[in-house]
Amino acid sequence: MLNPISISDKALDEIKNIMAHKNIPSEYTLRVGVKGGGCGGVSYMLGFDKPKSDDQVFEWEGLKILIEKKHVMFLMGMHIDFFESSEARGFTFVNSDMPKRHDA
């Protein structure tokens, strides 16, 4: 099955760092999902969890990724990146299927 998401090297390094240094149990793996969906659209979430019966399991560069079957369609084409600046740091979700904006 085609991977619905992609993960940048920087984000992958940060995820592995969190798993190694934040006491994430070894039977847990990365979970990617969505919340909401009303007028405000959806919010994307990252976390660590055990597999559940309604999950689809994907792999990216050796990392297992859990996505609930009902969330897969909302995550198609999503690229997860990690940014770090003097003001903030965190994961970002960018829809790589969206047309690029060209300013005139």
C-alpha atoms as a PDB file:
ATOM      1  CA  MET A   1       0.000   0.000   0.000  1.00  0.00           C
ATOM      2  CA  LEU A   2       1.211   3.488  -0.895  1.00  0.00           C
ATOM      3  CA  ASN A   3       2.376   5.610   2.037  1.00  0.00           C
ATOM      4  CA  PRO A   4      -0.122   8.449   2.555  1.00  0.00           C
ATOM      5  CA  ILE A   5       2.476  10.655   4.283  1.00  0.00           C
ATOM      6  CA  SER A   6       6.145  11.523   3.970  1.00  0.00           C
ATOM      7  CA  ILE A   7       8.506  12.634   6.738  1.00  0.00           C
ATOM      8  CA  SER A   8      11.529  14.909   6.347  1.00  0.00           C
ATOM      9  CA  ASP A   9      14.902  13.733   7.629  1.00  0.00           C
ATOM     10  CA  LYS A  10      14.857  16.466  10.278  1.00  0.00           C
ATOM     11  CA  ALA A  11      11.404  15.409  11.540  1.00  0.00           C
ATOM     12  CA  LEU A  12      12.402  11.739  11.499  1.00  0.00           C
ATOM     13  CA  ASP A  13      15.512  12.511  13.568  1.00  0.00           C
ATOM     14  CA  GLU A  14      13.399  14.446  16.093  1.00  0.00           C
ATOM     15  CA  ILE A  15      10.805  11.641  16.346  1.00  0.00           C
ATOM     16  CA  LYS A  16      13.554   9.066  16.951  1.00  0.00           C
ATOM     17  CA  ASN A  17      15.176  11.380  19.511  1.00  0.00           C
ATOM     18  CA  ILE A  18      11.876  11.730  21.395  1.00  0.00           C
ATOM     19  CA  MET A  19      11.347   7.963  21.352  1.00  0.00           C
ATOM     20  CA  ALA A  20      14.856   7.357  22.689  1.00  0.00           C
ATOM     21  CA  HIS A  21      14.929  10.040  25.394  1.00  0.00           C
ATOM     22  CA  LYS A  22      11.350  10.646  26.606  1.00  0.00           C
ATOM     23  CA  ASN A  23      10.539   7.240  28.120  1.00  0.00           C
ATOM     24  CA  ILE A  24       8.277   6.123  25.274  1.00  0.00           C
ATOM     25  CA  PRO A  25       7.551   2.404  25.911  1.00  0.00           C
ATOM     26  CA  SER A  26       9.172   0.089  23.344  1.00  0.00           C
ATOM     27  CA  GLU A  27       5.798  -1.359  22.248  1.00  0.00           C
ATOM     28  CA  TYR A  28       4.606   2.134  21.237  1.00  0.00           C
ATOM     29  CA  THR A  29       5.159   3.638  17.823  1.00  0.00           C
ATOM     30  CA  LEU A  30       4.315   6.876  16.016  1.00  0.00           C
ATOM     31  CA  ARG A  31       0.619   7.643  15.526  1.00  0.00           C
ATOM     32  CA  VAL A  32      -0.459  10.270  12.997  1.00  0.00           C
ATOM     33  CA  GLY A  33      -4.055  11.421  12.951  1.00  0.00           C
ATOM     34  CA  VAL A  34      -6.556  14.221  12.577  1.00  0.00           C
ATOM     35  CA  LYS A  35      -9.035  15.971  14.870  1.00  0.00           C
ATOM     36  CA  GLY A  36     -12.036  18.070  14.004  1.00  0.00           C
ATOM     37  CA  GLY A  37     -13.278  18.467  10.477  1.00  0.00           C
ATOM     38  CA  GLY A  38     -16.082  20.999  10.893  1.00  0.00           C
ATOM     39  CA  CYS A  39     -16.010  24.581   9.663  1.00  0.00           C
ATOM     40  CA  GLY A  40     -12.534  25.077  11.086  1.00  0.00           C
ATOM     41  CA  GLY A  41     -11.090  22.208   9.085  1.00  0.00           C
ATOM     42  CA  VAL A  42      -8.917  19.519  10.573  1.00  0.00           C
ATOM     43  CA  SER A  43      -6.025  19.658  13.009  1.00  0.00           C
ATOM     44  CA  TYR A  44      -3.196  17.201  12.618  1.00  0.00           C
ATOM     45  CA  MET A  45      -1.780  15.243  15.526  1.00  0.00           C
ATOM     46  CA  LEU A  46       1.348  13.267  16.296  1.00  0.00           C
ATOM     47  CA  GLY A  47       1.722  10.971  19.251  1.00  0.00           C
ATOM     48  CA  PHE A  48       2.875   7.565  20.383  1.00  0.00           C
ATOM     49  CA  ASP A  49       0.530   4.643  20.845  1.00  0.00           C
ATOM     50  CA  LYS A  50       0.060   0.888  20.603  1.00  0.00           C
ATOM     51  CA  PRO A  51      -1.526  -0.534  17.431  1.00  0.00           C
ATOM     52  CA  LYS A  52      -5.322  -0.877  17.458  1.00  0.00           C
ATOM     53  CA  SER A  53      -7.593  -3.066  15.350  1.00  0.00           C
ATOM     54  CA  ASP A  54      -8.766  -0.199  13.119  1.00  0.00           C
ATOM     55  CA  ASP A  55      -5.235   1.017  12.283  1.00  0.00           C
ATOM     56  CA  GLN A  56      -3.370   0.823   9.041  1.00  0.00           C
ATOM     57  CA  VAL A  57       0.363   0.395   9.533  1.00  0.00           C
ATOM     58  CA  PHE A  58       2.879   2.107   7.275  1.00  0.00           C
ATOM     59  CA  GLU A  59       6.634   2.403   7.442  1.00  0.00           C
ATOM     60  CA  TRP A  60       8.950   5.307   6.708  1.00  0.00           C
ATOM     61  CA  GLU A  61      12.729   4.778   6.804  1.00  0.00           C
ATOM     62  CA  GLY A  62      12.313   1.928   9.304  1.00  0.00           C
ATOM     63  CA  LEU A  63       9.817   3.783  11.529  1.00  0.00           C
ATOM     64  CA  LYS A  64       6.416   2.167  11.961  1.00  0.00           C
ATOM     65  CA  ILE A  65       3.520   4.609  11.593  1.00  0.00           C
ATOM     66  CA  LEU A  66      -0.028   3.989  12.804  1.00  0.00           C
ATOM     67  CA  ILE A  67      -2.964   5.740  11.140  1.00  0.00           C
ATOM     68  CA  GLU A  68      -6.623   4.993  11.851  1.00  0.00           C
ATOM     69  CA  LYS A  69      -8.277   3.774   8.646  1.00  0.00           C
ATOM     70  CA  LYS A  70     -10.809   6.631   8.748  1.00  0.00           C
ATOM     71  CA  HIS A  71      -7.962   9.216   8.930  1.00  0.00           C
ATOM     72  CA  VAL A  72      -5.934   7.975   5.951  1.00  0.00           C
ATOM     73  CA  MET A  73      -7.910   9.975   3.361  1.00  0.00           C
ATOM     74  CA  PHE A  74      -7.313  13.228   5.306  1.00  0.00           C
ATOM     75  CA  LEU A  75      -3.565  12.573   5.419  1.00  0.00           C
ATOM     76  CA  MET A  76      -2.965  11.680   1.756  1.00  0.00           C
ATOM     77  CA  GLY A  77      -0.081  13.727   0.378  1.00  0.00           C
ATOM     78  CA  MET A  78       0.825  15.184   3.785  1.00  0.00           C
ATOM     79  CA  HIS A  79       4.503  15.918   4.476  1.00  0.00           C
ATOM     80  CA  ILE A  80       5.664  16.155   8.098  1.00  0.00           C
ATOM     81  CA  ASP A  81       8.601  18.448   8.772  1.00  0.00           C
ATOM     82  CA  PHE A  82      10.284  19.859  11.871  1.00  0.00           C
ATOM     83  CA  PHE A  83      11.332  23.469  12.326  1.00  0.00           C
ATOM     84  CA  GLU A  84      13.459  25.158  14.932  1.00  0.00           C
ATOM     85  CA  SER A  85      13.989  28.875  15.458  1.00  0.00           C
ATOM     86  CA  SER A  86      14.872  31.140  18.359  1.00  0.00           C
ATOM     87  CA  GLU A  87      11.138  31.743  18.996  1.00  0.00           C
ATOM     88  CA  ALA A  88       9.647  28.287  18.514  1.00  0.00           C
ATOM     89  CA  ARG A  89      10.190  24.695  17.499  1.00  0.00           C
ATOM     90  CA  GLY A  90       7.808  21.981  16.419  1.00  0.00           C
ATOM     91  CA  PHE A  91       6.382  19.729  13.772  1.00  0.00           C
ATOM     92  CA  THR A  92       4.605  21.101  10.720  1.00  0.00           C
ATOM     93  CA  PHE A  93       2.193  19.422   8.323  1.00  0.00           C
ATOM     94  CA  VAL A  94       2.394  20.539   4.695  1.00  0.00           C
ATOM     95  CA  ASN A  95       0.059  19.175   2.032  1.00  0.00           C
ATOM     96  CA  SER A  96       2.475  18.367  -0.778  1.00  0.00           C
ATOM     97  CA  ASP A  97      -0.470  17.712  -3.141  1.00  0.00           C
ATOM     98  CA  MET A  98      -1.662  21.313  -2.914  1.00  0.00           C
ATOM     99  CA  PRO A  99      -0.867  23.453  -5.947  1.00  0.00           C
ATOM    100  CA  LYS A 100       2.054  25.806  -5.396  1.00  0.00           C
ATOM    101  CA  ARG A 101       1.210  29.499  -5.145  1.00  0.00           C
ATOM    102  CA  HIS A 102       2.917  31.722  -7.691  1.00  0.00           C
ATOM    103  CA  ASP A 103       3.043  35.389  -6.794  1.00  0.00           C
ATOM    104  CA  ALA A 104       2.818  37.807  -9.718  1.00  0.00           C
END
